[in-house]
Amino acid sequence: MLFRQLEYFVALARERHFGRAASACFVSQPTLSEAIRKLERELRVPLVRRGHAFEGLTPEGERLVHWARRILADHDALRQEVTALRTGLTGELRVGVVPAAAGTVAELTDAFCAEHPLVTVRLETSLRSSEVIDRIRAFDLDAGVIHPGGQDTDGLRVTPLYEERQVLVAGADLLPGAPTRVDWADAAELPLCLLSAGMQGRQVVDDAFAARGLTATPRLEADSIVTLLAHVGAGPWASILPESWLRTMGAPAGTRVLELGEEPTTAAVALVTPAGEPGPVLARAFAAVVPPRASGGRQR
């Protein structure tokens, strides 16, 4: 069995198309197809359902593709470890981030890049917590910054980062006088623009309203906090956002930032990385830059 055969098999499982998988692997389609057939003969199980085109993986293929991903990930981790011993860390760190933390992840990436100048970083900042977790388990991401509440984090190392507090950001014309705090009931009456339904950052807001017997009915939804801030700054809108974003980006001109309710509404944000030992070297190095105030990581 060759690593190349596993790479072709994993690419086919990802692309769901022989031609696209071959293109992704920079080989011809017959070369990829023959390599996968040879892998099937060596394993003595069918991996792919074939017709005139790719029809999916067999049940055996669905089970074994996870092992193929793990073998390739361990192979890459071994090469990275050897390279790190010789010349320092190199390669690409892949991090998935929930939108609510997209403004604060720079604190980690800046420290990481200063410590490891030969490593490049690729951030994906519009993912849901569950998507980040699934892609770490599929070895498609090295680490993630997520809302861990309610998530299945078995097999991952969870390192708390901070508690984000929700605040109201609104055009000054919407708030007569100069209040510093607004009740949730009054907030529900404003023309709200919020994160899209189903996103965990939105769920925090919906749960806060529901706990007070209220329901938020936003006139506009978006999957980007930057988009929400742009609307609040441009027109008669109000939004409920993590305060950490405003510390990083600043509130739009002509808006006010108000506390919500008598008690702050918060949500935990955490770094998640694979929990296996020794673990991918890039993920370990990224976790190592978490500041001491965010210590207390735990393995689930």
Protein backbone atom coordinates (compact mmCIF):
# COMPACT_ATOMS: atom_id res chain seq x y z
CA MET A 1 0.00 0.00 0.00
CA LEU A 2 1.36 3.42 -0.99
CA PHE A 3 0.56 6.79 0.55
CA ARG A 4 -0.25 7.95 -2.97
CA GLN A 5 -3.10 5.43 -3.20
CA LEU A 6 -4.56 6.71 0.07
CA GLU A 7 -4.23 10.30 -1.14
CA TYR A 8 -6.19 9.46 -4.29
CA PHE A 9 -8.86 7.64 -2.27
CA VAL A 10 -9.28 10.54 0.17
CA ALA A 11 -9.42 13.03 -2.72
CA LEU A 12 -12.16 11.00 -4.42
CA ALA A 13 -14.15 10.84 -1.17
CA ARG A 14 -13.84 14.62 -0.85
CA GLU A 15 -14.53 15.62 -4.47
CA ARG A 16 -17.18 12.93 -5.18
CA HIS A 17 -16.05 12.96 -8.80
CA PHE A 18 -13.24 11.05 -10.55
CA GLY A 19 -12.25 13.94 -12.82
CA ARG A 20 -12.12 16.56 -10.06
CA ALA A 21 -10.23 14.20 -7.76
CA ALA A 22 -7.67 13.50 -10.47
CA SER A 23 -7.27 17.20 -11.13
CA ALA A 24 -6.78 17.88 -7.42
CA CYS A 25 -4.06 15.24 -7.31
CA PHE A 26 -2.42 16.47 -10.57
CA VAL A 27 -2.76 13.10 -12.29
CA SER A 28 -4.86 11.71 -15.10
CA GLN A 29 -8.22 10.15 -14.35
CA PRO A 30 -7.10 6.65 -15.50
CA THR A 31 -4.08 6.87 -13.19
CA LEU A 32 -6.25 7.75 -10.21
CA SER A 33 -8.84 5.09 -11.03
CA GLU A 34 -6.23 2.35 -11.40
CA ALA A 35 -4.51 3.33 -8.14
CA ILE A 36 -7.80 3.05 -6.26
CA ARG A 37 -8.58 -0.30 -7.91
CA LYS A 38 -5.17 -1.54 -6.77
CA LEU A 39 -5.92 -0.34 -3.24
CA GLU A 40 -9.20 -2.28 -3.32
CA ARG A 41 -7.37 -5.44 -4.41
CA GLU A 42 -4.80 -5.05 -1.65
CA LEU A 43 -7.46 -4.47 1.01
CA ARG A 44 -9.76 -7.10 -0.51
CA VAL A 45 -12.84 -4.93 -0.11
CA PRO A 46 -14.69 -2.66 -2.56
CA LEU A 47 -14.29 1.00 -1.69
CA VAL A 48 -16.15 2.77 -4.49
CA ARG A 49 -19.53 2.23 -6.12
CA ARG A 50 -19.02 2.64 -9.84
CA GLY A 51 -21.42 3.12 -12.70
CA HIS A 52 -20.98 5.39 -15.67
CA ALA A 53 -19.64 7.85 -13.08
CA PHE A 54 -18.81 8.00 -9.38
CA GLU A 55 -21.84 6.83 -7.39
CA GLY A 56 -20.43 7.10 -3.87
CA LEU A 57 -18.39 5.04 -1.48
CA THR A 58 -19.36 1.55 -0.41
CA PRO A 59 -20.12 0.98 3.29
CA GLU A 60 -16.58 -0.39 3.57
CA GLY A 61 -15.23 2.70 1.86
CA GLU A 62 -17.14 5.03 4.20
CA ARG A 63 -15.54 3.31 7.20
CA LEU A 64 -12.03 3.07 5.78
CA VAL A 65 -11.77 6.62 4.42
CA HIS A 66 -11.49 7.90 8.01
CA TRP A 67 -8.52 5.59 8.57
CA ALA A 68 -6.98 6.79 5.33
CA ARG A 69 -7.32 10.42 6.47
CA ARG A 70 -5.77 9.56 9.83
CA ILE A 71 -2.83 7.74 8.25
CA LEU A 72 -2.15 10.65 5.92
CA ALA A 73 -2.49 13.16 8.78
CA ASP A 74 -0.06 11.17 10.93
CA HIS A 75 2.34 10.94 8.00
CA ASP A 76 2.20 14.72 7.53
CA ALA A 77 2.63 15.25 11.28
CA LEU A 78 5.71 13.00 11.28
CA ARG A 79 7.27 14.97 8.44
CA GLN A 80 6.47 18.27 10.17
CA GLU A 81 8.02 17.00 13.41
CA VAL A 82 11.22 15.99 11.64
CA THR A 83 11.39 19.31 9.81
CA ALA A 84 10.79 21.20 13.05
CA LEU A 85 13.72 19.39 14.70
CA ARG A 86 16.00 20.41 11.83
CA THR A 87 14.93 23.89 10.81
CA GLY A 88 11.95 24.97 12.96
CA LEU A 89 8.27 24.81 12.13
CA THR A 90 7.14 25.18 8.52
CA GLY A 91 3.97 24.46 6.58
CA GLU A 92 0.42 25.78 6.82
CA LEU A 93 -1.68 26.05 9.97
CA ARG A 94 -5.40 25.69 9.19
CA VAL A 95 -7.78 27.23 11.73
CA GLY A 96 -11.58 27.32 11.70
CA VAL A 97 -13.21 30.19 13.59
CA VAL A 98 -16.81 31.00 14.46
CA PRO A 99 -17.87 34.47 13.26
CA ALA A 100 -18.17 35.84 16.80
CA ALA A 101 -14.46 35.17 17.41
CA ALA A 102 -13.17 36.32 14.02
CA GLY A 103 -12.14 39.66 15.47
CA THR A 104 -10.24 38.27 18.46
CA VAL A 105 -8.42 35.34 16.87
CA ALA A 106 -5.73 37.82 15.79
CA GLU A 107 -4.41 37.77 19.35
CA LEU A 108 -3.48 34.12 18.82
CA THR A 109 -2.38 34.26 15.21
CA ASP A 110 -0.17 37.32 15.76
CA ALA A 111 1.64 35.60 18.61
CA PHE A 112 1.93 32.36 16.64
CA CYS A 113 3.31 34.04 13.51
CA ALA A 114 5.87 35.99 15.57
CA GLU A 115 7.00 32.74 17.19
CA HIS A 116 7.05 30.70 13.97
CA PRO A 117 7.85 32.99 11.01
CA LEU A 118 8.17 30.14 8.49
CA VAL A 119 4.58 28.94 8.99
CA THR A 120 1.69 30.37 6.99
CA VAL A 121 -1.81 30.54 8.47
CA ARG A 122 -5.13 29.95 6.71
CA LEU A 123 -8.22 31.13 8.59
CA GLU A 124 -11.83 30.24 7.78
CA THR A 125 -13.97 32.62 9.79
CA SER A 126 -17.57 31.86 8.82
CA LEU A 127 -17.90 28.32 10.19
CA ARG A 128 -20.24 26.98 12.83
CA SER A 129 -18.81 25.29 15.91
CA SER A 130 -20.06 21.89 14.79
CA GLU A 131 -18.46 22.34 11.36
CA VAL A 132 -15.11 23.23 12.94
CA ILE A 133 -15.25 20.13 15.15
CA ASP A 134 -16.20 17.85 12.24
CA ARG A 135 -13.37 19.19 10.08
CA ILE A 136 -10.79 18.79 12.84
CA ARG A 137 -11.90 15.17 13.23
CA ALA A 138 -11.63 14.73 9.45
CA PHE A 139 -8.07 16.20 9.58
CA ASP A 140 -9.18 19.05 7.34
CA LEU A 141 -8.40 21.65 10.03
CA ASP A 142 -5.63 21.75 12.62
CA ALA A 143 -7.43 23.82 15.26
CA GLY A 144 -10.56 25.84 15.88
CA VAL A 145 -11.93 28.71 17.93
CA ILE A 146 -15.52 27.88 18.83
CA HIS A 147 -18.40 28.18 21.28
CA PRO A 148 -17.95 24.86 23.14
CA GLY A 149 -21.31 24.93 24.93
CA GLY A 150 -23.54 22.07 23.81
CA GLN A 151 -20.93 20.66 21.43
CA ASP A 152 -19.59 17.10 21.34
CA THR A 153 -15.87 17.65 21.98
CA ASP A 154 -14.88 14.05 22.74
CA GLY A 155 -11.39 13.38 21.43
CA LEU A 156 -10.50 17.07 21.38
CA ARG A 157 -8.52 19.24 23.76
CA VAL A 158 -10.60 22.23 24.87
CA THR A 159 -8.73 25.29 26.13
CA PRO A 160 -10.96 28.12 27.44
CA LEU A 161 -10.05 31.51 25.99
CA TYR A 162 -12.54 34.05 27.34
CA GLU A 163 -16.18 34.80 28.08
CA GLU A 164 -17.70 37.11 25.48
CA ARG A 165 -20.35 39.59 26.67
CA GLN A 166 -23.26 40.59 24.47
CA VAL A 167 -23.94 44.33 24.03
CA LEU A 168 -26.37 46.39 21.96
CA VAL A 169 -24.98 48.56 19.17
CA ALA A 170 -27.46 51.02 17.68
CA GLY A 171 -27.68 54.20 15.70
CA ALA A 172 -27.82 57.18 18.04
CA ASP A 173 -31.16 58.29 16.55
CA LEU A 174 -32.78 55.08 17.80
CA LEU A 175 -31.90 55.84 21.41
CA PRO A 176 -33.24 59.18 22.65
CA GLY A 177 -31.36 60.69 25.54
CA ALA A 178 -28.06 59.16 26.57
CA PRO A 179 -28.80 55.76 28.13
CA THR A 180 -25.98 53.38 29.06
CA ARG A 181 -28.17 50.33 29.47
CA VAL A 182 -31.27 48.96 27.75
CA ASP A 183 -33.69 46.23 28.78
CA TRP A 184 -34.05 43.17 26.58
CA ALA A 185 -37.72 43.98 26.13
CA ASP A 186 -36.86 47.41 24.73
CA ALA A 187 -34.14 45.89 22.54
CA ALA A 188 -36.71 43.53 21.00
CA GLU A 189 -38.68 46.56 19.77
CA LEU A 190 -35.75 48.02 17.81
CA PRO A 191 -35.15 47.33 14.08
CA LEU A 192 -32.73 44.48 14.67
CA CYS A 193 -30.13 42.97 12.37
CA LEU A 194 -28.68 39.76 13.82
CA LEU A 195 -26.55 36.79 12.91
CA SER A 196 -28.34 34.16 10.83
CA ALA A 197 -30.66 31.73 12.58
CA GLY A 198 -28.91 28.51 13.50
CA MET A 199 -25.52 30.11 14.12
CA GLN A 200 -24.39 29.61 17.69
CA GLY A 201 -23.70 33.31 18.18
CA ARG A 202 -27.34 33.92 17.25
CA GLN A 203 -28.47 31.12 19.56
CA VAL A 204 -26.90 32.94 22.51
CA VAL A 205 -29.04 35.99 21.70
CA ASP A 206 -32.21 33.97 21.10
CA ASP A 207 -31.74 32.11 24.40
CA ALA A 208 -31.32 35.40 26.26
CA PHE A 209 -34.58 36.70 24.81
CA ALA A 210 -36.39 33.41 25.49
CA ALA A 211 -35.23 33.37 29.13
CA ARG A 212 -37.20 36.61 29.55
CA GLY A 213 -40.26 35.38 27.69
CA LEU A 214 -39.34 37.38 24.59
CA THR A 215 -38.70 36.60 20.94
CA ALA A 216 -36.36 38.49 18.64
CA THR A 217 -37.72 39.19 15.16
CA PRO A 218 -34.84 40.64 13.15
CA ARG A 219 -35.59 42.45 9.92
CA LEU A 220 -32.20 41.47 8.54
CA GLU A 221 -29.94 38.46 9.11
CA ALA A 222 -26.34 37.91 8.00
CA ASP A 223 -23.60 35.36 8.59
CA SER A 224 -20.97 38.08 9.16
CA ILE A 225 -20.53 40.44 12.10
CA VAL A 226 -18.73 42.88 9.81
CA THR A 227 -21.90 43.03 7.70
CA LEU A 228 -24.01 43.71 10.78
CA LEU A 229 -21.71 46.50 11.92
CA ALA A 230 -21.83 48.03 8.44
CA HIS A 231 -25.62 48.15 8.54
CA VAL A 232 -25.71 49.65 12.03
CA GLY A 233 -23.27 52.33 10.90
CA ALA A 234 -25.12 53.08 7.67
CA GLY A 235 -28.75 53.21 8.72
CA PRO A 236 -31.39 52.98 11.43
CA TRP A 237 -30.42 49.55 12.70
CA ALA A 238 -29.53 47.94 16.00
CA SER A 239 -27.63 44.73 16.60
CA ILE A 240 -26.59 42.55 19.53
CA LEU A 241 -22.95 41.56 19.23
CA PRO A 242 -19.98 40.29 21.26
CA GLU A 243 -18.28 43.19 23.03
CA SER A 244 -14.88 41.73 22.07
CA TRP A 245 -15.56 42.69 18.45
CA LEU A 246 -15.98 46.33 19.38
CA ARG A 247 -12.73 46.32 21.35
CA THR A 248 -10.98 45.07 18.24
CA MET A 249 -12.79 46.93 15.46
CA GLY A 250 -14.41 49.86 17.26
CA ALA A 251 -18.06 50.87 17.05
CA PRO A 252 -19.21 52.55 13.82
CA ALA A 253 -19.36 56.33 13.83
CA GLY A 254 -22.68 57.73 14.98
CA THR A 255 -23.61 54.66 17.05
CA ARG A 256 -23.87 53.91 20.73
CA VAL A 257 -22.89 50.79 22.67
CA LEU A 258 -25.15 49.84 25.55
CA GLU A 259 -25.17 47.11 28.15
CA LEU A 260 -28.11 44.72 28.00
CA GLY A 261 -30.17 43.97 31.07
CA GLU A 262 -29.10 44.02 34.70
CA GLU A 263 -26.84 40.97 34.42
CA PRO A 264 -24.40 40.42 31.55
CA THR A 265 -25.18 37.71 29.01
CA THR A 266 -22.02 35.82 28.17
CA ALA A 267 -20.89 32.87 26.07
CA ALA A 268 -17.69 30.86 26.39
CA VAL A 269 -15.12 30.87 23.59
CA ALA A 270 -12.48 28.13 23.48
CA LEU A 271 -9.63 26.79 21.39
CA VAL A 272 -10.05 23.18 20.27
CA THR A 273 -7.22 20.99 19.02
CA PRO A 274 -6.75 17.22 18.59
CA ALA A 275 -6.23 15.52 21.95
CA GLY A 276 -4.10 12.57 20.78
CA GLU A 277 -0.46 12.36 21.76
CA PRO A 278 1.93 13.49 20.53
CA GLY A 279 -0.57 15.30 18.30
CA PRO A 280 0.06 17.44 15.22
CA VAL A 281 3.03 19.70 15.81
CA LEU A 282 1.37 22.81 14.33
CA ALA A 283 -1.72 22.38 16.51
CA ARG A 284 0.47 21.96 19.60
CA ALA A 285 2.43 25.08 18.74
CA PHE A 286 -0.77 27.08 18.20
CA ALA A 287 -2.17 25.97 21.56
CA ALA A 288 1.11 26.98 23.19
CA VAL A 289 0.53 30.68 22.41
CA VAL A 290 -2.71 30.84 24.43
CA PRO A 291 -2.02 33.48 27.10
CA PRO A 292 -1.80 32.40 30.77
CA ARG A 293 -5.09 34.13 31.60
CA ALA A 294 -6.81 31.57 29.35
CA SER A 295 -5.20 28.57 31.06
CA GLY A 296 -7.24 25.64 32.31
CA GLY A 297 -7.46 23.56 29.14
CA ARG A 298 -9.08 20.17 29.53
CA GLN A 299 -9.24 17.03 27.46
CA ARG A 300 -12.66 15.67 26.74
